Amino acid sequence: MATLKQILFREYADKGLNVIVEEMKKKYDQKKGRRFNYDNITYEISRGGVVDENMQFEISSKIPQDELKDHKDMKNYFAKIKKLASTFKNKPVSIEMENIILDTKKNTEKERDYVKLLYSYPLNDLYSDKKISEKIEEMSQQTKGEKPTSEGRAMLTRQGNLALQLVQESTQSFARQNIEDLISANKQARTKRSG
């Protein structure tokens, strides 16, 4: 059974991931659900989940099959992405090639291959007591003589609300960097292939 901390952290990490999904949909071409398209490659950001005191989420990108000759080329493309992902600042805990078959209409099937990266961040890396103290100091400087307003839940202390705000901000920051890394890796894999 999930603890209160896990439930709240998941909720606020999801809020952070939702912000990134919307940000990417505005920046690039919007698609259905949690997906967007950039340079003819579809990307998707999953919802977050808490597993063993770690916040986890997946980021995936479609392999540009129409640019590749055969299955061997797709495997080579995936291998290039996997190699590039090993150099990311925040390395994924798993990198998989996933095959999805969609029934777009009743009588037709569309097969797609994706690169799927799983990221995992310890819950305690999403906030720190030092950052909470800094935010409290910053808020007290801004609100001298005013009653501080808090957007968080009324049942939590100011520190609790700030911890959840930091969880959301940290998740946004990590996810933004992760998606930018994957976009860059796709660009590099295409360049290496055509160059």
N, C-alpha and C. Protein backbone atom coordinates (compact mmCIF):
# COMPACT_ATOMS: atom_id res chain seq x y z
N MET A 1 0.85 -1.18 0.00
CA MET A 1 0.00 0.00 0.00
C MET A 1 0.90 1.25 0.00
N ALA A 2 0.55 2.21 -0.81
CA ALA A 2 1.34 3.43 -0.93
C ALA A 2 1.22 4.29 0.32
N THR A 3 2.31 4.94 0.67
CA THR A 3 2.31 5.85 1.80
C THR A 3 1.75 7.20 1.35
N LEU A 4 1.41 8.05 2.31
CA LEU A 4 0.92 9.39 2.00
C LEU A 4 1.97 10.16 1.20
N LYS A 5 3.22 10.02 1.57
CA LYS A 5 4.30 10.68 0.85
C LYS A 5 4.31 10.24 -0.61
N GLN A 6 4.22 8.94 -0.85
CA GLN A 6 4.24 8.42 -2.22
C GLN A 6 3.04 8.92 -3.03
N ILE A 7 1.87 8.95 -2.40
CA ILE A 7 0.66 9.41 -3.09
C ILE A 7 0.79 10.88 -3.47
N LEU A 8 1.22 11.71 -2.52
CA LEU A 8 1.35 13.14 -2.79
C LEU A 8 2.47 13.42 -3.79
N PHE A 9 3.59 12.73 -3.66
CA PHE A 9 4.70 12.95 -4.59
C PHE A 9 4.29 12.55 -6.00
N ARG A 10 3.58 11.45 -6.13
CA ARG A 10 3.12 11.02 -7.46
C ARG A 10 2.20 12.07 -8.06
N GLU A 11 1.28 12.59 -7.26
CA GLU A 11 0.34 13.60 -7.75
C GLU A 11 1.07 14.84 -8.25
N TYR A 12 2.04 15.31 -7.48
CA TYR A 12 2.75 16.54 -7.87
C TYR A 12 3.78 16.30 -8.97
N ALA A 13 4.35 15.11 -9.01
CA ALA A 13 5.23 14.77 -10.13
C ALA A 13 4.41 14.70 -11.41
N ASP A 14 3.21 14.13 -11.33
CA ASP A 14 2.32 14.09 -12.50
C ASP A 14 1.97 15.49 -12.97
N LYS A 15 1.75 16.40 -12.03
CA LYS A 15 1.48 17.79 -12.42
C LYS A 15 2.67 18.36 -13.20
N GLY A 16 3.86 18.06 -12.73
CA GLY A 16 5.07 18.51 -13.43
C GLY A 16 5.17 17.90 -14.82
N LEU A 17 4.88 16.60 -14.94
CA LEU A 17 4.92 15.94 -16.24
C LEU A 17 3.86 16.50 -17.18
N ASN A 18 2.67 16.81 -16.63
CA ASN A 18 1.61 17.40 -17.45
C ASN A 18 2.02 18.76 -18.00
N VAL A 19 2.73 19.54 -17.20
CA VAL A 19 3.22 20.84 -17.67
C VAL A 19 4.17 20.65 -18.85
N ILE A 20 5.06 19.66 -18.75
CA ILE A 20 6.01 19.40 -19.84
C ILE A 20 5.29 18.91 -21.09
N VAL A 21 4.29 18.05 -20.93
CA VAL A 21 3.52 17.58 -22.08
C VAL A 21 2.91 18.79 -22.81
N GLU A 22 2.27 19.67 -22.06
CA GLU A 22 1.65 20.86 -22.67
C GLU A 22 2.69 21.79 -23.28
N GLU A 23 3.81 21.95 -22.61
CA GLU A 23 4.90 22.79 -23.12
C GLU A 23 5.41 22.26 -24.47
N MET A 24 5.61 20.95 -24.56
CA MET A 24 6.12 20.34 -25.79
C MET A 24 5.07 20.40 -26.90
N LYS A 25 3.79 20.25 -26.55
CA LYS A 25 2.73 20.33 -27.55
C LYS A 25 2.62 21.74 -28.13
N LYS A 26 2.92 22.74 -27.32
CA LYS A 26 2.91 24.12 -27.82
C LYS A 26 4.15 24.41 -28.64
N LYS A 27 5.27 23.88 -28.23
CA LYS A 27 6.55 24.14 -28.89
C LYS A 27 6.66 23.39 -30.22
N TYR A 28 6.12 22.17 -30.28
CA TYR A 28 6.19 21.33 -31.46
C TYR A 28 4.78 21.07 -31.97
N ASP A 29 4.62 20.08 -32.84
CA ASP A 29 3.29 19.77 -33.39
C ASP A 29 2.53 18.89 -32.41
N GLN A 30 1.32 19.32 -32.09
CA GLN A 30 0.48 18.62 -31.13
C GLN A 30 -0.09 17.34 -31.74
N LYS A 31 -0.16 16.30 -30.92
CA LYS A 31 -0.81 15.05 -31.31
C LYS A 31 -1.78 14.68 -30.19
N LYS A 32 -2.51 13.59 -30.36
CA LYS A 32 -3.48 13.16 -29.35
C LYS A 32 -2.78 12.71 -28.08
N GLY A 33 -3.49 12.82 -26.97
CA GLY A 33 -3.00 12.31 -25.70
C GLY A 33 -1.76 13.04 -25.21
N ARG A 34 -0.78 12.30 -24.77
CA ARG A 34 0.44 12.84 -24.18
C ARG A 34 1.58 12.86 -25.21
N ARG A 35 1.21 13.02 -26.49
CA ARG A 35 2.19 12.92 -27.57
C ARG A 35 2.35 14.25 -28.31
N PHE A 36 3.51 14.40 -28.94
CA PHE A 36 3.77 15.52 -29.83
C PHE A 36 4.71 15.05 -30.92
N ASN A 37 4.81 15.83 -31.99
CA ASN A 37 5.63 15.45 -33.12
C ASN A 37 6.64 16.54 -33.40
N TYR A 38 7.88 16.12 -33.60
CA TYR A 38 8.93 17.05 -33.99
C TYR A 38 9.79 16.38 -35.06
N ASP A 39 9.98 17.07 -36.17
CA ASP A 39 10.83 16.59 -37.25
C ASP A 39 10.42 15.19 -37.72
N ASN A 40 9.10 15.00 -37.83
CA ASN A 40 8.51 13.76 -38.32
C ASN A 40 8.76 12.56 -37.39
N ILE A 41 8.99 12.83 -36.12
CA ILE A 41 9.11 11.76 -35.12
C ILE A 41 8.13 12.07 -33.99
N THR A 42 7.33 11.09 -33.63
CA THR A 42 6.36 11.25 -32.55
C THR A 42 7.02 10.87 -31.22
N TYR A 43 6.82 11.72 -30.22
CA TYR A 43 7.34 11.51 -28.87
C TYR A 43 6.16 11.39 -27.91
N GLU A 44 6.36 10.66 -26.83
CA GLU A 44 5.32 10.51 -25.81
C GLU A 44 5.96 10.52 -24.43
N ILE A 45 5.27 11.18 -23.50
CA ILE A 45 5.70 11.25 -22.10
C ILE A 45 4.61 10.58 -21.27
N SER A 46 4.98 9.55 -20.52
CA SER A 46 3.99 8.81 -19.72
C SER A 46 3.62 9.59 -18.46
N ARG A 47 2.68 9.07 -17.75
CA ARG A 47 2.37 9.57 -16.41
C ARG A 47 3.42 9.00 -15.46
N GLY A 48 3.55 9.61 -14.31
CA GLY A 48 4.52 9.15 -13.33
C GLY A 48 3.96 8.05 -12.45
N GLY A 49 4.86 7.35 -11.82
CA GLY A 49 4.49 6.32 -10.87
C GLY A 49 5.57 6.20 -9.81
N VAL A 50 5.20 5.74 -8.63
CA VAL A 50 6.17 5.56 -7.56
C VAL A 50 6.42 4.06 -7.39
N VAL A 51 7.70 3.68 -7.52
CA VAL A 51 8.11 2.28 -7.36
C VAL A 51 9.32 2.26 -6.43
N ASP A 52 9.17 1.59 -5.30
CA ASP A 52 10.27 1.45 -4.34
C ASP A 52 10.97 2.77 -4.02
N GLU A 53 10.20 3.76 -3.59
CA GLU A 53 10.75 5.08 -3.20
C GLU A 53 11.43 5.82 -4.34
N ASN A 54 11.02 5.50 -5.59
CA ASN A 54 11.53 6.19 -6.77
C ASN A 54 10.37 6.66 -7.63
N MET A 55 10.49 7.88 -8.14
CA MET A 55 9.52 8.39 -9.11
C MET A 55 9.98 7.90 -10.48
N GLN A 56 9.07 7.26 -11.22
CA GLN A 56 9.44 6.73 -12.53
C GLN A 56 8.47 7.23 -13.59
N PHE A 57 9.01 7.45 -14.79
CA PHE A 57 8.19 7.77 -15.95
C PHE A 57 8.96 7.36 -17.20
N GLU A 58 8.21 7.21 -18.29
CA GLU A 58 8.82 6.80 -19.55
C GLU A 58 8.70 7.91 -20.58
N ILE A 59 9.70 7.97 -21.43
CA ILE A 59 9.67 8.86 -22.59
C ILE A 59 9.99 7.97 -23.79
N SER A 60 9.18 8.11 -24.83
CA SER A 60 9.42 7.28 -26.01
C SER A 60 9.41 8.12 -27.27
N SER A 61 10.05 7.58 -28.31
CA SER A 61 10.02 8.23 -29.62
C SER A 61 9.88 7.15 -30.68
N LYS A 62 9.11 7.49 -31.70
CA LYS A 62 8.91 6.57 -32.81
C LYS A 62 10.20 6.48 -33.62
N ILE A 63 10.54 5.29 -34.04
CA ILE A 63 11.69 5.12 -34.93
C ILE A 63 11.21 5.49 -36.34
N PRO A 64 11.92 6.36 -37.04
CA PRO A 64 11.46 6.82 -38.36
C PRO A 64 11.59 5.71 -39.43
N GLN A 65 10.68 4.74 -39.37
CA GLN A 65 10.74 3.56 -40.23
C GLN A 65 10.71 3.90 -41.73
N ASP A 66 9.97 4.97 -42.08
CA ASP A 66 9.86 5.33 -43.50
C ASP A 66 11.20 5.79 -44.09
N GLU A 67 12.16 6.12 -43.21
CA GLU A 67 13.48 6.56 -43.67
C GLU A 67 14.49 5.40 -43.68
N LEU A 68 14.08 4.26 -43.16
CA LEU A 68 15.00 3.12 -43.02
C LEU A 68 14.62 2.01 -43.98
N LYS A 69 15.61 1.28 -44.46
CA LYS A 69 15.39 0.26 -45.49
C LYS A 69 14.68 -0.97 -44.96
N ASP A 70 15.15 -1.49 -43.83
CA ASP A 70 14.63 -2.76 -43.36
C ASP A 70 14.78 -2.86 -41.83
N HIS A 71 14.46 -4.05 -41.32
CA HIS A 71 14.52 -4.27 -39.86
C HIS A 71 15.94 -4.12 -39.32
N LYS A 72 16.92 -4.51 -40.12
CA LYS A 72 18.32 -4.37 -39.70
C LYS A 72 18.67 -2.89 -39.50
N ASP A 73 18.22 -2.03 -40.42
CA ASP A 73 18.44 -0.59 -40.27
C ASP A 73 17.77 -0.05 -39.01
N MET A 74 16.57 -0.57 -38.70
CA MET A 74 15.87 -0.12 -37.49
C MET A 74 16.65 -0.52 -36.24
N LYS A 75 17.18 -1.73 -36.24
CA LYS A 75 17.98 -2.19 -35.10
C LYS A 75 19.25 -1.33 -34.96
N ASN A 76 19.87 -0.98 -36.08
CA ASN A 76 21.05 -0.12 -36.04
C ASN A 76 20.70 1.28 -35.52
N TYR A 77 19.56 1.80 -35.95
CA TYR A 77 19.10 3.11 -35.49
C TYR A 77 18.89 3.06 -33.97
N PHE A 78 18.21 1.99 -33.51
CA PHE A 78 17.98 1.82 -32.07
C PHE A 78 19.31 1.73 -31.32
N ALA A 79 20.27 1.00 -31.86
CA ALA A 79 21.58 0.85 -31.21
C ALA A 79 22.27 2.22 -31.08
N LYS A 80 22.13 3.06 -32.10
CA LYS A 80 22.72 4.41 -32.03
C LYS A 80 22.07 5.23 -30.93
N ILE A 81 20.74 5.16 -30.85
CA ILE A 81 20.02 5.90 -29.79
C ILE A 81 20.45 5.37 -28.42
N LYS A 82 20.54 4.06 -28.30
CA LYS A 82 20.94 3.45 -27.02
C LYS A 82 22.34 3.90 -26.61
N LYS A 83 23.26 3.94 -27.57
CA LYS A 83 24.62 4.39 -27.29
C LYS A 83 24.64 5.86 -26.86
N LEU A 84 23.88 6.69 -27.58
CA LEU A 84 23.81 8.12 -27.24
C LEU A 84 23.17 8.31 -25.85
N ALA A 85 22.15 7.51 -25.53
CA ALA A 85 21.48 7.63 -24.24
C ALA A 85 22.41 7.32 -23.08
N SER A 86 23.42 6.51 -23.32
CA SER A 86 24.39 6.20 -22.26
C SER A 86 25.26 7.40 -21.92
N THR A 87 25.23 8.44 -22.76
CA THR A 87 26.01 9.66 -22.49
C THR A 87 25.17 10.77 -21.89
N PHE A 88 23.85 10.57 -21.75
CA PHE A 88 22.97 11.60 -21.20
C PHE A 88 23.38 11.94 -19.77
N LYS A 89 23.15 13.18 -19.37
CA LYS A 89 23.44 13.60 -17.99
C LYS A 89 22.63 12.73 -17.02
N ASN A 90 21.33 12.60 -17.26
CA ASN A 90 20.47 11.73 -16.47
C ASN A 90 20.18 10.50 -17.32
N LYS A 91 20.85 9.42 -17.00
CA LYS A 91 20.74 8.21 -17.81
C LYS A 91 19.46 7.44 -17.47
N PRO A 92 18.79 6.92 -18.50
CA PRO A 92 17.62 6.09 -18.23
C PRO A 92 18.03 4.78 -17.56
N VAL A 93 17.13 4.21 -16.75
CA VAL A 93 17.43 2.93 -16.10
C VAL A 93 17.18 1.76 -17.05
N SER A 94 16.38 1.98 -18.09
CA SER A 94 16.24 0.96 -19.13
C SER A 94 15.95 1.64 -20.47
N ILE A 95 16.43 0.98 -21.52
CA ILE A 95 16.24 1.45 -22.89
C ILE A 95 15.77 0.25 -23.69
N GLU A 96 14.58 0.33 -24.24
CA GLU A 96 14.02 -0.81 -24.97
C GLU A 96 13.48 -0.38 -26.32
N MET A 97 13.48 -1.33 -27.24
CA MET A 97 12.81 -1.13 -28.52
C MET A 97 11.48 -1.86 -28.41
N GLU A 98 10.40 -1.14 -28.63
CA GLU A 98 9.07 -1.72 -28.48
C GLU A 98 8.34 -1.68 -29.81
N ASN A 99 7.67 -2.76 -30.14
CA ASN A 99 6.90 -2.86 -31.37
C ASN A 99 5.42 -2.78 -31.01
N ILE A 100 4.70 -1.88 -31.69
CA ILE A 100 3.27 -1.71 -31.43
C ILE A 100 2.53 -1.91 -32.74
N ILE A 101 1.49 -2.70 -32.70
CA ILE A 101 0.63 -2.90 -33.87
C ILE A 101 -0.71 -2.27 -33.56
N LEU A 102 -1.10 -1.29 -34.38
CA LEU A 102 -2.36 -0.58 -34.19
C LEU A 102 -3.34 -0.98 -35.27
N ASP A 103 -4.59 -1.12 -34.88
CA ASP A 103 -5.65 -1.34 -35.85
C ASP A 103 -6.29 0.02 -36.08
N THR A 104 -5.79 0.75 -37.09
CA THR A 104 -6.26 2.12 -37.33
C THR A 104 -7.68 2.13 -37.87
N LYS A 105 -8.03 1.14 -38.65
CA LYS A 105 -9.41 0.94 -39.12
C LYS A 105 -9.70 -0.53 -38.90
N LYS A 106 -10.87 -0.91 -39.11
CA LYS A 106 -11.25 -2.30 -38.81
C LYS A 106 -10.42 -3.34 -39.56
N ASN A 107 -10.03 -3.06 -40.79
CA ASN A 107 -9.36 -4.09 -41.59
C ASN A 107 -7.88 -3.83 -41.86
N THR A 108 -7.31 -2.81 -41.26
CA THR A 108 -5.90 -2.52 -41.53
C THR A 108 -5.10 -2.46 -40.23
N GLU A 109 -3.88 -2.84 -40.34
CA GLU A 109 -2.97 -2.78 -39.20
C GLU A 109 -1.81 -1.88 -39.54
N LYS A 110 -1.31 -1.17 -38.55
CA LYS A 110 -0.16 -0.30 -38.75
C LYS A 110 0.88 -0.67 -37.68
N GLU A 111 2.04 -1.07 -38.12
CA GLU A 111 3.09 -1.50 -37.21
C GLU A 111 4.08 -0.36 -37.01
N ARG A 112 4.45 -0.11 -35.76
CA ARG A 112 5.41 0.94 -35.44
C ARG A 112 6.39 0.44 -34.40
N ASP A 113 7.63 0.91 -34.55
CA ASP A 113 8.65 0.60 -33.55
C ASP A 113 9.02 1.87 -32.81
N TYR A 114 9.22 1.74 -31.51
CA TYR A 114 9.53 2.87 -30.65
C TYR A 114 10.78 2.60 -29.83
N VAL A 115 11.46 3.68 -29.49
CA VAL A 115 12.52 3.65 -28.48
C VAL A 115 11.85 4.08 -27.19
N LYS A 116 11.95 3.27 -26.15
CA LYS A 116 11.29 3.59 -24.88
C LYS A 116 12.36 3.69 -23.78
N LEU A 117 12.43 4.87 -23.16
CA LEU A 117 13.40 5.12 -22.09
C LEU A 117 12.65 5.22 -20.76
N LEU A 118 13.10 4.47 -19.77
CA LEU A 118 12.51 4.53 -18.43
C LEU A 118 13.46 5.30 -17.52
N TYR A 119 12.92 6.34 -16.89
CA TYR A 119 13.70 7.14 -15.95
C TYR A 119 13.19 6.90 -14.54
N SER A 120 14.12 6.92 -13.59
CA SER A 120 13.80 6.68 -12.20
C SER A 120 14.60 7.64 -11.33
N TYR A 121 13.90 8.39 -10.50
CA TYR A 121 14.56 9.36 -9.61
C TYR A 121 14.12 9.09 -8.17
N PRO A 122 15.09 8.92 -7.26
CA PRO A 122 14.73 8.73 -5.86
C PRO A 122 13.86 9.89 -5.36
N LEU A 123 12.82 9.57 -4.60
CA LEU A 123 11.91 10.62 -4.11
C LEU A 123 12.67 11.72 -3.39
N ASN A 124 13.68 11.33 -2.62
CA ASN A 124 14.42 12.34 -1.85
C ASN A 124 15.29 13.25 -2.72
N ASP A 125 15.49 12.87 -4.01
CA ASP A 125 16.22 13.75 -4.93
C ASP A 125 15.32 14.83 -5.53
N LEU A 126 14.02 14.71 -5.31
CA LEU A 126 13.07 15.66 -5.90
C LEU A 126 12.89 16.92 -5.04
N TYR A 127 13.41 16.90 -3.84
CA TYR A 127 13.35 18.07 -2.96
C TYR A 127 14.48 17.96 -1.94
N SER A 128 14.75 19.05 -1.25
CA SER A 128 15.73 18.99 -0.16
C SER A 128 15.33 19.99 0.92
N ASP A 129 15.72 19.69 2.14
CA ASP A 129 15.43 20.60 3.26
C ASP A 129 16.07 21.96 3.02
N LYS A 130 17.25 21.96 2.41
CA LYS A 130 17.96 23.21 2.13
C LYS A 130 17.15 24.09 1.17
N LYS A 131 16.62 23.48 0.10
CA LYS A 131 15.82 24.24 -0.86
C LYS A 131 14.53 24.74 -0.23
N ILE A 132 13.93 23.93 0.64
CA ILE A 132 12.71 24.37 1.34
C ILE A 132 13.03 25.58 2.20
N SER A 133 14.14 25.52 2.94
CA SER A 133 14.54 26.66 3.79
C SER A 133 14.79 27.91 2.95
N GLU A 134 15.45 27.72 1.81
CA GLU A 134 15.71 28.87 0.92
C GLU A 134 14.41 29.48 0.42
N LYS A 135 13.45 28.65 0.06
CA LYS A 135 12.16 29.17 -0.42
C LYS A 135 11.40 29.88 0.69
N ILE A 136 11.49 29.35 1.90
CA ILE A 136 10.82 30.01 3.03
C ILE A 136 11.43 31.37 3.26
N GLU A 137 12.74 31.45 3.22
CA GLU A 137 13.44 32.74 3.39
C GLU A 137 13.05 33.70 2.27
N GLU A 138 13.03 33.20 1.07
CA GLU A 138 12.66 34.02 -0.09
C GLU A 138 11.22 34.54 0.05
N MET A 139 10.32 33.68 0.50
CA MET A 139 8.92 34.08 0.68
C MET A 139 8.79 35.10 1.79
N SER A 140 9.55 34.92 2.86
CA SER A 140 9.44 35.88 3.98
C SER A 140 9.97 37.25 3.58
N GLN A 141 10.97 37.29 2.69
CA GLN A 141 11.49 38.56 2.19
C GLN A 141 10.46 39.25 1.29
N GLN A 142 9.76 38.46 0.50
CA GLN A 142 8.76 39.01 -0.42
C GLN A 142 7.50 39.47 0.29
N THR A 143 7.18 38.84 1.41
CA THR A 143 5.89 39.10 2.05
C THR A 143 6.03 39.80 3.40
N LYS A 144 7.06 40.60 3.58
CA LYS A 144 7.22 41.32 4.86
C LYS A 144 5.97 42.15 5.10
N GLY A 145 5.33 41.90 6.22
CA GLY A 145 4.13 42.64 6.60
C GLY A 145 2.85 42.10 5.96
N GLU A 146 2.96 41.20 5.01
CA GLU A 146 1.78 40.62 4.38
C GLU A 146 1.59 39.20 4.89
N LYS A 147 0.37 38.75 4.83
CA LYS A 147 0.11 37.36 5.19
C LYS A 147 0.49 36.49 3.99
N PRO A 148 1.43 35.53 4.15
CA PRO A 148 1.85 34.72 3.02
C PRO A 148 0.70 33.87 2.48
N THR A 149 0.63 33.79 1.18
CA THR A 149 -0.39 32.94 0.56
C THR A 149 0.29 31.66 0.12
N SER A 150 -0.45 30.59 0.24
CA SER A 150 0.10 29.29 -0.17
C SER A 150 -0.89 28.63 -1.10
N GLU A 151 -0.39 28.15 -2.22
CA GLU A 151 -1.24 27.52 -3.21
C GLU A 151 -1.49 26.05 -2.87
N GLY A 152 -0.74 25.51 -1.95
CA GLY A 152 -0.81 24.09 -1.65
C GLY A 152 -2.04 23.70 -0.87
N ARG A 153 -2.01 22.51 -0.38
CA ARG A 153 -3.14 21.97 0.37
C ARG A 153 -3.18 22.56 1.77
N ALA A 154 -4.38 22.86 2.22
CA ALA A 154 -4.57 23.47 3.53
C ALA A 154 -4.17 22.53 4.67
N MET A 155 -4.19 21.23 4.42
CA MET A 155 -3.89 20.28 5.49
C MET A 155 -2.39 20.17 5.77
N LEU A 156 -1.56 20.71 4.88
CA LEU A 156 -0.12 20.59 5.03
C LEU A 156 0.49 21.86 5.59
N THR A 157 1.64 21.70 6.19
CA THR A 157 2.39 22.86 6.67
C THR A 157 2.99 23.60 5.47
N ARG A 158 3.50 24.78 5.70
CA ARG A 158 4.16 25.53 4.65
C ARG A 158 5.32 24.71 4.07
N GLN A 159 6.08 24.07 4.94
CA GLN A 159 7.20 23.23 4.48
C GLN A 159 6.71 22.08 3.61
N GLY A 160 5.60 21.47 4.01
CA GLY A 160 5.02 20.37 3.23
C GLY A 160 4.59 20.83 1.85
N ASN A 161 3.93 21.99 1.81
CA ASN A 161 3.51 22.55 0.52
C ASN A 161 4.72 22.88 -0.35
N LEU A 162 5.77 23.41 0.25
CA LEU A 162 6.97 23.75 -0.52
C LEU A 162 7.67 22.49 -1.02
N ALA A 163 7.67 21.44 -0.21
CA ALA A 163 8.27 20.17 -0.65
C ALA A 163 7.55 19.66 -1.90
N LEU A 164 6.21 19.74 -1.89
CA LEU A 164 5.44 19.28 -3.05
C LEU A 164 5.68 20.19 -4.27
N GLN A 165 5.82 21.47 -4.04
CA GLN A 165 6.14 22.39 -5.13
C GLN A 165 7.50 22.04 -5.74
N LEU A 166 8.46 21.73 -4.89
CA LEU A 166 9.79 21.34 -5.37
C LEU A 166 9.75 20.02 -6.12
N VAL A 167 8.92 19.08 -5.67
CA VAL A 167 8.75 17.80 -6.38
C VAL A 167 8.25 18.08 -7.80
N GLN A 168 7.26 18.95 -7.91
CA GLN A 168 6.71 19.29 -9.22
C GLN A 168 7.77 19.97 -10.09
N GLU A 169 8.47 20.95 -9.54
CA GLU A 169 9.49 21.68 -10.30
C GLU A 169 10.66 20.77 -10.70
N SER A 170 11.09 19.91 -9.79
CA SER A 170 12.20 18.99 -10.11
C SER A 170 11.81 18.01 -11.20
N THR A 171 10.59 17.47 -11.09
CA THR A 171 10.12 16.53 -12.11
C THR A 171 10.05 17.22 -13.47
N GLN A 172 9.54 18.46 -13.51
CA GLN A 172 9.49 19.22 -14.76
C GLN A 172 10.89 19.38 -15.33
N SER A 173 11.83 19.76 -14.49
CA SER A 173 13.20 19.99 -14.93
C SER A 173 13.83 18.71 -15.49
N PHE A 174 13.68 17.60 -14.75
CA PHE A 174 14.23 16.32 -15.20
C PHE A 174 13.58 15.90 -16.53
N ALA A 175 12.25 15.96 -16.61
CA ALA A 175 11.54 15.52 -17.81
C ALA A 175 11.91 16.39 -19.01
N ARG A 176 12.00 17.70 -18.82
CA ARG A 176 12.39 18.60 -19.91
C ARG A 176 13.77 18.22 -20.44
N GLN A 177 14.72 17.99 -19.55
CA GLN A 177 16.07 17.60 -19.96
C GLN A 177 16.06 16.25 -20.66
N ASN A 178 15.28 15.30 -20.13
CA ASN A 178 15.20 13.96 -20.72
C ASN A 178 14.65 14.01 -22.14
N ILE A 179 13.59 14.79 -22.36
CA ILE A 179 13.00 14.85 -23.70
C ILE A 179 13.93 15.59 -24.66
N GLU A 180 14.59 16.64 -24.20
CA GLU A 180 15.55 17.36 -25.04
C GLU A 180 16.71 16.45 -25.42
N ASP A 181 17.16 15.62 -24.49
CA ASP A 181 18.23 14.66 -24.78
C ASP A 181 17.79 13.66 -25.86
N LEU A 182 16.56 13.17 -25.76
CA LEU A 182 16.07 12.19 -26.73
C LEU A 182 15.91 12.83 -28.11
N ILE A 183 15.41 14.05 -28.16
CA ILE A 183 15.29 14.77 -29.44
C ILE A 183 16.67 14.93 -30.07
N SER A 184 17.64 15.32 -29.27
CA SER A 184 19.01 15.49 -29.75
C SER A 184 19.58 14.16 -30.24
N ALA A 185 19.33 13.09 -29.51
CA ALA A 185 19.83 11.76 -29.91
C ALA A 185 19.23 11.35 -31.26
N ASN A 186 17.94 11.61 -31.46
CA ASN A 186 17.31 11.29 -32.74
C ASN A 186 17.95 12.09 -33.88
N LYS A 187 18.22 13.36 -33.64
CA LYS A 187 18.89 14.19 -34.66
C LYS A 187 20.26 13.61 -34.99
N GLN A 188 21.02 13.26 -33.96
CA GLN A 188 22.36 12.71 -34.18
C GLN A 188 22.32 11.36 -34.88
N ALA A 189 21.39 10.52 -34.52
CA ALA A 189 21.28 9.20 -35.16
C ALA A 189 20.93 9.34 -36.63
N ARG A 190 20.07 10.29 -36.94
CA ARG A 190 19.72 10.55 -38.35
C ARG A 190 20.93 11.10 -39.11
N THR A 191 21.66 12.01 -38.48
CA THR A 191 22.84 12.62 -39.12
C THR A 191 23.90 11.57 -39.40
N LYS A 192 24.16 10.70 -38.41
CA LYS A 192 25.17 9.66 -38.58
C LYS A 192 24.77 8.68 -39.68
N ARG A 193 23.48 8.41 -39.77
CA ARG A 193 22.98 7.47 -40.76
C ARG A 193 23.08 8.03 -42.16
N SER A 194 22.74 9.33 -42.31
CA SER A 194 22.75 9.93 -43.65
C SER A 194 24.11 10.48 -44.04
N GLY A 195 25.01 10.65 -43.03
CA GLY A 195 26.29 11.26 -43.29
C GLY A 195 27.36 10.33 -43.73
